[in-house]
Amino acid sequence: MNRLEMLKKSNNPILTCYLPGGDPLLLQNQSEIYVDCGVDVFEVGIPTVDPFMDGKLVSDSMSRAIKSGVTTEKIANEGRMIRETYDNAAVVMMGYQDILFTDLIDEQGNAGFDGFIQVGVDSYDQDRLSHHDVYGIEFIPQKNFEESLERAHTALGYVFLQAASGQTGLSQTFDMSNKERVRCLKEYGVDVPILLGFGISNPDQVKMAMDCGADGVVIGSACIAKALEGEKALTDFLKNVRGALDGR
């Protein structure tokens, strides 16, 4: 069974954390830290030269990965290894419009990942990937939210609802108007988990996201920032985030 489907059926709050594919400054044991701290979904980022939706922390990470000579094939293998090593970890591949996710399927027809999210396209090849038990993640922006409602119904894995306008990055504030957007999605009949992401940088904001009715959160820039500080900083941060999600 697709592990995103298993998470959906568990009804537990979902913690998705960004893992920068190929970044040489990545902690050697970052995947292990993620699992030990209760991360449910690894969002493995495939670098691109123009990450227009991402702020400095993510774009700098992608630049380092590209300069290191990492290939998409190597990142796909990293995602496959994570999924093979950790029985309950779901893997979502994240890329921009220059990525063809069907190219990540191996010669035996194995995907090695549970879902995909693609930035910069109006539609994606969900039908072909569904044959490999891979679920599409639908990104719903704040801008033109109402026009994007129909797209939310195409998500098989979960809906990634933009919690803050602009690019990814750290934020000291949280927009409580997300509560209305979450309510609107659920009233519209979206039956997959709704996760809030963009700018979520501390446990208090995680609690506010849950107060908005979200089924979980997506954290990217803050994970990179803490990893650059070291293993302890990342571990402490994720444990506090997991506790906030679980109401502890």
C-alpha atoms as a PDB file:
ATOM      1  CA  MET A   1       0.000   0.000   0.000  1.00  0.00           C
ATOM      2  CA  ASN A   2       1.117   3.552  -0.717  1.00  0.00           C
ATOM      3  CA  ARG A   3       2.445   4.980   2.550  1.00  0.00           C
ATOM      4  CA  LEU A   4       0.581   8.256   2.070  1.00  0.00           C
ATOM      5  CA  GLU A   5      -2.601   6.201   2.075  1.00  0.00           C
ATOM      6  CA  MET A   6      -1.491   4.598   5.336  1.00  0.00           C
ATOM      7  CA  LEU A   7      -0.941   8.045   6.890  1.00  0.00           C
ATOM      8  CA  LYS A   8      -4.354   9.179   5.725  1.00  0.00           C
ATOM      9  CA  LYS A   9      -5.998   6.178   7.360  1.00  0.00           C
ATOM     10  CA  SER A  10      -4.107   6.670  10.624  1.00  0.00           C
ATOM     11  CA  ASN A  11      -5.840  10.034  11.247  1.00  0.00           C
ATOM     12  CA  ASN A  12      -2.720  11.252  13.079  1.00  0.00           C
ATOM     13  CA  PRO A  13      -1.251  14.733  12.430  1.00  0.00           C
ATOM     14  CA  ILE A  14       1.201  14.545   9.530  1.00  0.00           C
ATOM     15  CA  LEU A  15       4.681  16.071   9.666  1.00  0.00           C
ATOM     16  CA  THR A  16       6.299  16.565   6.263  1.00  0.00           C
ATOM     17  CA  CYS A  17       9.874  17.844   6.235  1.00  0.00           C
ATOM     18  CA  TYR A  18      11.962  18.962   3.280  1.00  0.00           C
ATOM     19  CA  LEU A  19      15.168  17.037   2.605  1.00  0.00           C
ATOM     20  CA  PRO A  20      17.465  18.908   0.177  1.00  0.00           C
ATOM     21  CA  GLY A  21      18.578  16.403  -2.435  1.00  0.00           C
ATOM     22  CA  GLY A  22      22.307  16.488  -3.064  1.00  0.00           C
ATOM     23  CA  ASP A  23      23.167  19.389  -0.739  1.00  0.00           C
ATOM     24  CA  PRO A  24      26.747  18.731   0.458  1.00  0.00           C
ATOM     25  CA  LEU A  25      25.996  20.568   3.725  1.00  0.00           C
ATOM     26  CA  LEU A  26      23.249  18.087   4.559  1.00  0.00           C
ATOM     27  CA  LEU A  27      23.855  16.320   7.869  1.00  0.00           C
ATOM     28  CA  GLN A  28      25.187  12.821   7.310  1.00  0.00           C
ATOM     29  CA  ASN A  29      22.483  11.375   9.555  1.00  0.00           C
ATOM     30  CA  GLN A  30      19.673  13.776   8.667  1.00  0.00           C
ATOM     31  CA  SER A  31      17.340  11.014   7.479  1.00  0.00           C
ATOM     32  CA  GLU A  32      17.864   9.125  10.724  1.00  0.00           C
ATOM     33  CA  ILE A  33      17.155  12.288  12.729  1.00  0.00           C
ATOM     34  CA  TYR A  34      13.938  12.804  10.788  1.00  0.00           C
ATOM     35  CA  VAL A  35      12.708   9.293  11.570  1.00  0.00           C
ATOM     36  CA  ASP A  36      13.760   9.420  15.227  1.00  0.00           C
ATOM     37  CA  CYS A  37      11.925  12.724  15.695  1.00  0.00           C
ATOM     38  CA  GLY A  38       8.658  11.564  14.176  1.00  0.00           C
ATOM     39  CA  VAL A  39       8.781  12.940  10.637  1.00  0.00           C
ATOM     40  CA  ASP A  40       6.146  11.126   8.581  1.00  0.00           C
ATOM     41  CA  VAL A  41       6.956  12.319   5.062  1.00  0.00           C
ATOM     42  CA  PHE A  42      10.350  13.100   3.506  1.00  0.00           C
ATOM     43  CA  GLU A  43       9.880  15.732   0.810  1.00  0.00           C
ATOM     44  CA  VAL A  44      13.023  15.157  -1.241  1.00  0.00           C
ATOM     45  CA  GLY A  45      13.889  18.264  -3.221  1.00  0.00           C
ATOM     46  CA  ILE A  46      15.277  17.986  -6.751  1.00  0.00           C
ATOM     47  CA  PRO A  47      17.379  21.099  -7.460  1.00  0.00           C
ATOM     48  CA  THR A  48      16.688  23.448 -10.339  1.00  0.00           C
ATOM     49  CA  VAL A  49      18.474  26.564 -11.612  1.00  0.00           C
ATOM     50  CA  ASP A  50      15.373  28.731 -11.179  1.00  0.00           C
ATOM     51  CA  PRO A  51      13.522  27.843  -7.944  1.00  0.00           C
ATOM     52  CA  PHE A  52      11.186  30.842  -8.235  1.00  0.00           C
ATOM     53  CA  MET A  53       8.876  29.762  -5.410  1.00  0.00           C
ATOM     54  CA  ASP A  54      11.726  29.295  -2.944  1.00  0.00           C
ATOM     55  CA  GLY A  55      13.542  31.823  -0.795  1.00  0.00           C
ATOM     56  CA  LYS A  56      17.222  32.039   0.052  1.00  0.00           C
ATOM     57  CA  LEU A  57      17.590  29.000   2.308  1.00  0.00           C
ATOM     58  CA  VAL A  58      16.155  26.551  -0.206  1.00  0.00           C
ATOM     59  CA  SER A  59      17.567  28.231  -3.323  1.00  0.00           C
ATOM     60  CA  ASP A  60      21.068  28.352  -1.809  1.00  0.00           C
ATOM     61  CA  SER A  61      20.752  24.673  -0.933  1.00  0.00           C
ATOM     62  CA  MET A  62      19.779  23.867  -4.520  1.00  0.00           C
ATOM     63  CA  SER A  63      22.717  25.893  -5.835  1.00  0.00           C
ATOM     64  CA  ARG A  64      25.125  23.944  -3.634  1.00  0.00           C
ATOM     65  CA  ALA A  65      23.654  20.668  -4.881  1.00  0.00           C
ATOM     66  CA  ILE A  66      23.981  21.679  -8.528  1.00  0.00           C
ATOM     67  CA  LYS A  67      27.575  22.835  -8.022  1.00  0.00           C
ATOM     68  CA  SER A  68      28.397  19.510  -6.376  1.00  0.00           C
ATOM     69  CA  GLY A  69      27.409  17.746  -9.595  1.00  0.00           C
ATOM     70  CA  VAL A  70      24.494  15.785  -8.183  1.00  0.00           C
ATOM     71  CA  THR A  71      22.185  14.144 -10.721  1.00  0.00           C
ATOM     72  CA  THR A  72      18.448  13.580 -10.642  1.00  0.00           C
ATOM     73  CA  GLU A  73      19.123   9.845 -10.834  1.00  0.00           C
ATOM     74  CA  LYS A  74      21.271   9.995  -7.697  1.00  0.00           C
ATOM     75  CA  ILE A  75      18.588  11.931  -5.819  1.00  0.00           C
ATOM     76  CA  ALA A  76      15.967   9.395  -6.923  1.00  0.00           C
ATOM     77  CA  ASN A  77      18.203   6.641  -5.566  1.00  0.00           C
ATOM     78  CA  GLU A  78      18.531   8.538  -2.266  1.00  0.00           C
ATOM     79  CA  GLY A  79      14.756   8.670  -1.995  1.00  0.00           C
ATOM     80  CA  ARG A  80      14.504   4.967  -2.803  1.00  0.00           C
ATOM     81  CA  MET A  81      17.098   4.157  -0.134  1.00  0.00           C
ATOM     82  CA  ILE A  82      15.192   6.158   2.507  1.00  0.00           C
ATOM     83  CA  ARG A  83      12.026   4.248   1.722  1.00  0.00           C
ATOM     84  CA  GLU A  84      13.822   0.884   1.828  1.00  0.00           C
ATOM     85  CA  THR A  85      15.619   1.697   5.089  1.00  0.00           C
ATOM     86  CA  TYR A  86      12.713   3.083   7.108  1.00  0.00           C
ATOM     87  CA  ASP A  87       9.561   0.980   6.984  1.00  0.00           C
ATOM     88  CA  ASN A  88       7.069   3.716   7.870  1.00  0.00           C
ATOM     89  CA  ALA A  89       8.629   6.731   6.139  1.00  0.00           C
ATOM     90  CA  ALA A  90       6.782   8.046   3.104  1.00  0.00           C
ATOM     91  CA  VAL A  91       8.843   9.698   0.366  1.00  0.00           C
ATOM     92  CA  VAL A  92       7.558  12.534  -1.816  1.00  0.00           C
ATOM     93  CA  MET A  93       9.710  13.839  -4.651  1.00  0.00           C
ATOM     94  CA  MET A  94       9.478  17.608  -5.151  1.00  0.00           C
ATOM     95  CA  GLY A  95      10.546  19.265  -8.377  1.00  0.00           C
ATOM     96  CA  TYR A  96       9.910  22.135 -10.746  1.00  0.00           C
ATOM     97  CA  GLN A  97       8.614  22.105 -14.309  1.00  0.00           C
ATOM     98  CA  ASP A  98      11.912  20.787 -15.675  1.00  0.00           C
ATOM     99  CA  ILE A  99      11.426  17.384 -14.005  1.00  0.00           C
ATOM    100  CA  LEU A 100       9.652  14.460 -15.649  1.00  0.00           C
ATOM    101  CA  PHE A 101       8.732  12.231 -12.721  1.00  0.00           C
ATOM    102  CA  THR A 102       8.136   9.176 -14.885  1.00  0.00           C
ATOM    103  CA  ASP A 103      11.898   9.257 -15.586  1.00  0.00           C
ATOM    104  CA  LEU A 104      12.464   8.394 -11.917  1.00  0.00           C
ATOM    105  CA  ILE A 105      10.840   4.971 -12.345  1.00  0.00           C
ATOM    106  CA  ASP A 106      13.487   2.231 -12.571  1.00  0.00           C
ATOM    107  CA  GLU A 107      13.706  -0.391 -15.326  1.00  0.00           C
ATOM    108  CA  GLN A 108      11.659  -2.850 -13.278  1.00  0.00           C
ATOM    109  CA  GLY A 109       8.833  -0.325 -12.993  1.00  0.00           C
ATOM    110  CA  ASN A 110       9.502   0.495  -9.338  1.00  0.00           C
ATOM    111  CA  ALA A 111       9.059   4.108  -8.304  1.00  0.00           C
ATOM    112  CA  GLY A 112      10.736   4.073  -4.898  1.00  0.00           C
ATOM    113  CA  PHE A 113       8.624   7.051  -3.836  1.00  0.00           C
ATOM    114  CA  ASP A 114       5.037   7.484  -2.684  1.00  0.00           C
ATOM    115  CA  GLY A 115       4.127  10.870  -4.079  1.00  0.00           C
ATOM    116  CA  PHE A 116       5.251  13.854  -6.101  1.00  0.00           C
ATOM    117  CA  ILE A 117       4.708  17.578  -6.109  1.00  0.00           C
ATOM    118  CA  GLN A 118       5.545  19.676  -9.157  1.00  0.00           C
ATOM    119  CA  VAL A 119       5.877  23.451  -9.194  1.00  0.00           C
ATOM    120  CA  GLY A 120       5.354  25.558 -12.298  1.00  0.00           C
ATOM    121  CA  VAL A 121       2.915  23.396 -14.251  1.00  0.00           C
ATOM    122  CA  ASP A 122      -0.858  23.578 -14.654  1.00  0.00           C
ATOM    123  CA  SER A 123      -1.253  19.814 -14.869  1.00  0.00           C
ATOM    124  CA  TYR A 124       0.853  16.715 -14.414  1.00  0.00           C
ATOM    125  CA  ASP A 125       0.881  13.124 -15.597  1.00  0.00           C
ATOM    126  CA  GLN A 126      -0.979  11.582 -12.657  1.00  0.00           C
ATOM    127  CA  ASP A 127      -2.450   8.794 -14.773  1.00  0.00           C
ATOM    128  CA  ARG A 128       0.907   7.309 -15.750  1.00  0.00           C
ATOM    129  CA  LEU A 129       2.267   7.575 -12.220  1.00  0.00           C
ATOM    130  CA  SER A 130      -0.854   6.056 -10.679  1.00  0.00           C
ATOM    131  CA  HIS A 131       0.045   2.808 -12.414  1.00  0.00           C
ATOM    132  CA  HIS A 132       3.137   2.764 -10.208  1.00  0.00           C
ATOM    133  CA  ASP A 133       1.164   3.490  -6.997  1.00  0.00           C
ATOM    134  CA  VAL A 134       2.471   7.066  -6.850  1.00  0.00           C
ATOM    135  CA  TYR A 135       0.130   9.801  -5.607  1.00  0.00           C
ATOM    136  CA  GLY A 136       0.008  13.403  -6.761  1.00  0.00           C
ATOM    137  CA  ILE A 137       0.255  16.226  -4.216  1.00  0.00           C
ATOM    138  CA  GLU A 138      -1.657  19.363  -5.151  1.00  0.00           C
ATOM    139  CA  PHE A 139      -0.181  22.735  -4.180  1.00  0.00           C
ATOM    140  CA  ILE A 140      -2.889  25.332  -3.515  1.00  0.00           C
ATOM    141  CA  PRO A 141      -1.576  28.928  -3.445  1.00  0.00           C
ATOM    142  CA  GLN A 142      -3.044  31.791  -1.439  1.00  0.00           C
ATOM    143  CA  LYS A 143      -3.304  33.887  -4.567  1.00  0.00           C
ATOM    144  CA  ASN A 144      -6.255  32.854  -6.730  1.00  0.00           C
ATOM    145  CA  PHE A 145      -7.293  30.412  -4.020  1.00  0.00           C
ATOM    146  CA  GLU A 146     -10.890  30.067  -5.192  1.00  0.00           C
ATOM    147  CA  GLU A 147      -9.796  29.383  -8.772  1.00  0.00           C
ATOM    148  CA  SER A 148      -7.598  26.541  -7.463  1.00  0.00           C
ATOM    149  CA  LEU A 149     -10.312  24.730  -5.512  1.00  0.00           C
ATOM    150  CA  GLU A 150     -11.133  22.338  -8.327  1.00  0.00           C
ATOM    151  CA  ARG A 151      -7.491  21.284  -8.558  1.00  0.00           C
ATOM    152  CA  ALA A 152      -7.572  20.219  -4.908  1.00  0.00           C
ATOM    153  CA  HIS A 153      -9.872  17.369  -5.902  1.00  0.00           C
ATOM    154  CA  THR A 154      -7.140  15.879  -8.115  1.00  0.00           C
ATOM    155  CA  ALA A 155      -4.800  15.304  -5.160  1.00  0.00           C
ATOM    156  CA  LEU A 156      -4.440  11.663  -4.177  1.00  0.00           C
ATOM    157  CA  GLY A 157      -1.800  12.083  -1.464  1.00  0.00           C
ATOM    158  CA  TYR A 158      -2.563  15.357   0.291  1.00  0.00           C
ATOM    159  CA  VAL A 159      -3.197  19.024  -0.383  1.00  0.00           C
ATOM    160  CA  PHE A 160      -0.290  21.388   0.293  1.00  0.00           C
ATOM    161  CA  LEU A 161      -1.959  24.678   1.227  1.00  0.00           C
ATOM    162  CA  GLN A 162       0.254  27.769   1.080  1.00  0.00           C
ATOM    163  CA  ALA A 163       0.197  29.275   4.572  1.00  0.00           C
ATOM    164  CA  ALA A 164       2.051  32.509   3.740  1.00  0.00           C
ATOM    165  CA  SER A 165       2.237  34.560   0.569  1.00  0.00           C
ATOM    166  CA  GLY A 166       5.463  34.935  -1.392  1.00  0.00           C
ATOM    167  CA  GLN A 167       8.403  32.566  -1.411  1.00  0.00           C
ATOM    168  CA  THR A 168       9.388  29.906   1.101  1.00  0.00           C
ATOM    169  CA  GLY A 169      11.397  31.073   4.082  1.00  0.00           C
ATOM    170  CA  LEU A 170      11.357  31.719   7.813  1.00  0.00           C
ATOM    171  CA  SER A 171       8.579  33.803   9.330  1.00  0.00           C
ATOM    172  CA  GLN A 172       7.865  35.258  12.758  1.00  0.00           C
ATOM    173  CA  THR A 173       4.113  35.505  12.138  1.00  0.00           C
ATOM    174  CA  PHE A 174       1.282  33.195  11.154  1.00  0.00           C
ATOM    175  CA  ASP A 175      -1.782  34.093   9.097  1.00  0.00           C
ATOM    176  CA  MET A 176      -4.869  32.859  10.966  1.00  0.00           C
ATOM    177  CA  SER A 177      -6.996  33.507   7.878  1.00  0.00           C
ATOM    178  CA  ASN A 178      -5.731  30.058   6.846  1.00  0.00           C
ATOM    179  CA  LYS A 179      -8.545  28.728   9.023  1.00  0.00           C
ATOM    180  CA  GLU A 180     -11.090  29.968   6.507  1.00  0.00           C
ATOM    181  CA  ARG A 181      -9.186  28.425   3.583  1.00  0.00           C
ATOM    182  CA  VAL A 182      -8.929  25.055   5.334  1.00  0.00           C
ATOM    183  CA  ARG A 183     -12.645  25.181   6.136  1.00  0.00           C
ATOM    184  CA  CYS A 184     -13.430  26.060   2.526  1.00  0.00           C
ATOM    185  CA  LEU A 185     -11.418  23.099   1.212  1.00  0.00           C
ATOM    186  CA  LYS A 186     -13.134  20.669   3.538  1.00  0.00           C
ATOM    187  CA  GLU A 187     -16.594  22.029   2.759  1.00  0.00           C
ATOM    188  CA  TYR A 188     -15.720  21.699  -0.923  1.00  0.00           C
ATOM    189  CA  GLY A 189     -15.368  17.979  -0.370  1.00  0.00           C
ATOM    190  CA  VAL A 190     -11.580  17.535  -0.309  1.00  0.00           C
ATOM    191  CA  ASP A 191     -11.130  14.184   1.424  1.00  0.00           C
ATOM    192  CA  VAL A 192      -7.329  13.947   1.558  1.00  0.00           C
ATOM    193  CA  PRO A 193      -5.249  15.493   4.370  1.00  0.00           C
ATOM    194  CA  ILE A 194      -4.723  19.255   4.155  1.00  0.00           C
ATOM    195  CA  LEU A 195      -1.226  20.346   5.191  1.00  0.00           C
ATOM    196  CA  LEU A 196      -0.151  23.934   5.748  1.00  0.00           C
ATOM    197  CA  GLY A 197       3.327  24.983   4.635  1.00  0.00           C
ATOM    198  CA  PHE A 198       5.445  28.081   3.801  1.00  0.00           C
ATOM    199  CA  GLY A 199       6.912  30.147   6.622  1.00  0.00           C
ATOM    200  CA  ILE A 200       6.122  27.713   9.439  1.00  0.00           C
ATOM    201  CA  SER A 201       9.218  28.120  11.568  1.00  0.00           C
ATOM    202  CA  ASN A 202       8.496  27.208  15.197  1.00  0.00           C
ATOM    203  CA  PRO A 203       6.252  25.021  17.381  1.00  0.00           C
ATOM    204  CA  ASP A 204       3.870  27.885  18.210  1.00  0.00           C
ATOM    205  CA  GLN A 205       3.114  28.326  14.511  1.00  0.00           C
ATOM    206  CA  VAL A 206       2.584  24.575  14.241  1.00  0.00           C
ATOM    207  CA  LYS A 207      -0.035  24.804  16.995  1.00  0.00           C
ATOM    208  CA  MET A 208      -1.726  27.679  15.176  1.00  0.00           C
ATOM    209  CA  ALA A 209      -1.783  25.632  11.965  1.00  0.00           C
ATOM    210  CA  MET A 210      -3.541  22.837  13.828  1.00  0.00           C
ATOM    211  CA  ASP A 211      -5.954  25.365  15.359  1.00  0.00           C
ATOM    212  CA  CYS A 212      -6.850  26.283  11.775  1.00  0.00           C
ATOM    213  CA  GLY A 213      -8.057  22.730  11.219  1.00  0.00           C
ATOM    214  CA  ALA A 214      -5.053  21.518   9.233  1.00  0.00           C
ATOM    215  CA  ASP A 215      -4.208  17.821   9.234  1.00  0.00           C
ATOM    216  CA  GLY A 216      -0.496  18.549   9.477  1.00  0.00           C
ATOM    217  CA  VAL A 217       2.300  20.834   8.361  1.00  0.00           C
ATOM    218  CA  VAL A 218       5.090  21.036   5.787  1.00  0.00           C
ATOM    219  CA  ILE A 219       8.367  22.489   7.032  1.00  0.00           C
ATOM    220  CA  GLY A 220      11.250  23.261   4.700  1.00  0.00           C
ATOM    221  CA  SER A 221      13.377  26.349   5.281  1.00  0.00           C
ATOM    222  CA  ALA A 222      13.402  25.936   9.060  1.00  0.00           C
ATOM    223  CA  CYS A 223      14.713  22.377   8.689  1.00  0.00           C
ATOM    224  CA  ILE A 224      17.572  23.615   6.509  1.00  0.00           C
ATOM    225  CA  ALA A 225      18.360  26.451   8.927  1.00  0.00           C
ATOM    226  CA  LYS A 226      18.465  24.106  11.921  1.00  0.00           C
ATOM    227  CA  ALA A 227      20.522  21.502  10.064  1.00  0.00           C
ATOM    228  CA  LEU A 228      23.106  24.162   9.233  1.00  0.00           C
ATOM    229  CA  GLU A 229      23.337  24.859  12.977  1.00  0.00           C
ATOM    230  CA  GLY A 230      24.054  21.205  13.688  1.00  0.00           C
ATOM    231  CA  GLU A 231      22.564  17.893  14.738  1.00  0.00           C
ATOM    232  CA  LYS A 232      21.380  19.017  18.180  1.00  0.00           C
ATOM    233  CA  ALA A 233      19.633  22.112  16.851  1.00  0.00           C
ATOM    234  CA  LEU A 234      17.737  20.079  14.255  1.00  0.00           C
ATOM    235  CA  THR A 235      16.857  17.309  16.716  1.00  0.00           C
ATOM    236  CA  ASP A 236      15.569  19.688  19.389  1.00  0.00           C
ATOM    237  CA  PHE A 237      13.555  21.637  16.822  1.00  0.00           C
ATOM    238  CA  LEU A 238      11.873  18.569  15.327  1.00  0.00           C
ATOM    239  CA  LYS A 239      11.062  17.049  18.711  1.00  0.00           C
ATOM    240  CA  ASN A 240       9.354  20.289  19.732  1.00  0.00           C
ATOM    241  CA  VAL A 241       7.498  20.462  16.422  1.00  0.00           C
ATOM    242  CA  ARG A 242       6.302  16.860  16.784  1.00  0.00           C
ATOM    243  CA  GLY A 243       5.140  17.609  20.308  1.00  0.00           C
ATOM    244  CA  ALA A 244       3.225  20.669  19.101  1.00  0.00           C
ATOM    245  CA  LEU A 245       1.538  18.599  16.401  1.00  0.00           C
ATOM    246  CA  ASP A 246       0.504  15.939  18.890  1.00  0.00           C
ATOM    247  CA  GLY A 247      -0.756  18.454  21.431  1.00  0.00           C
ATOM    248  CA  ARG A 248       2.014  17.853  23.944  1.00  0.00           C
END
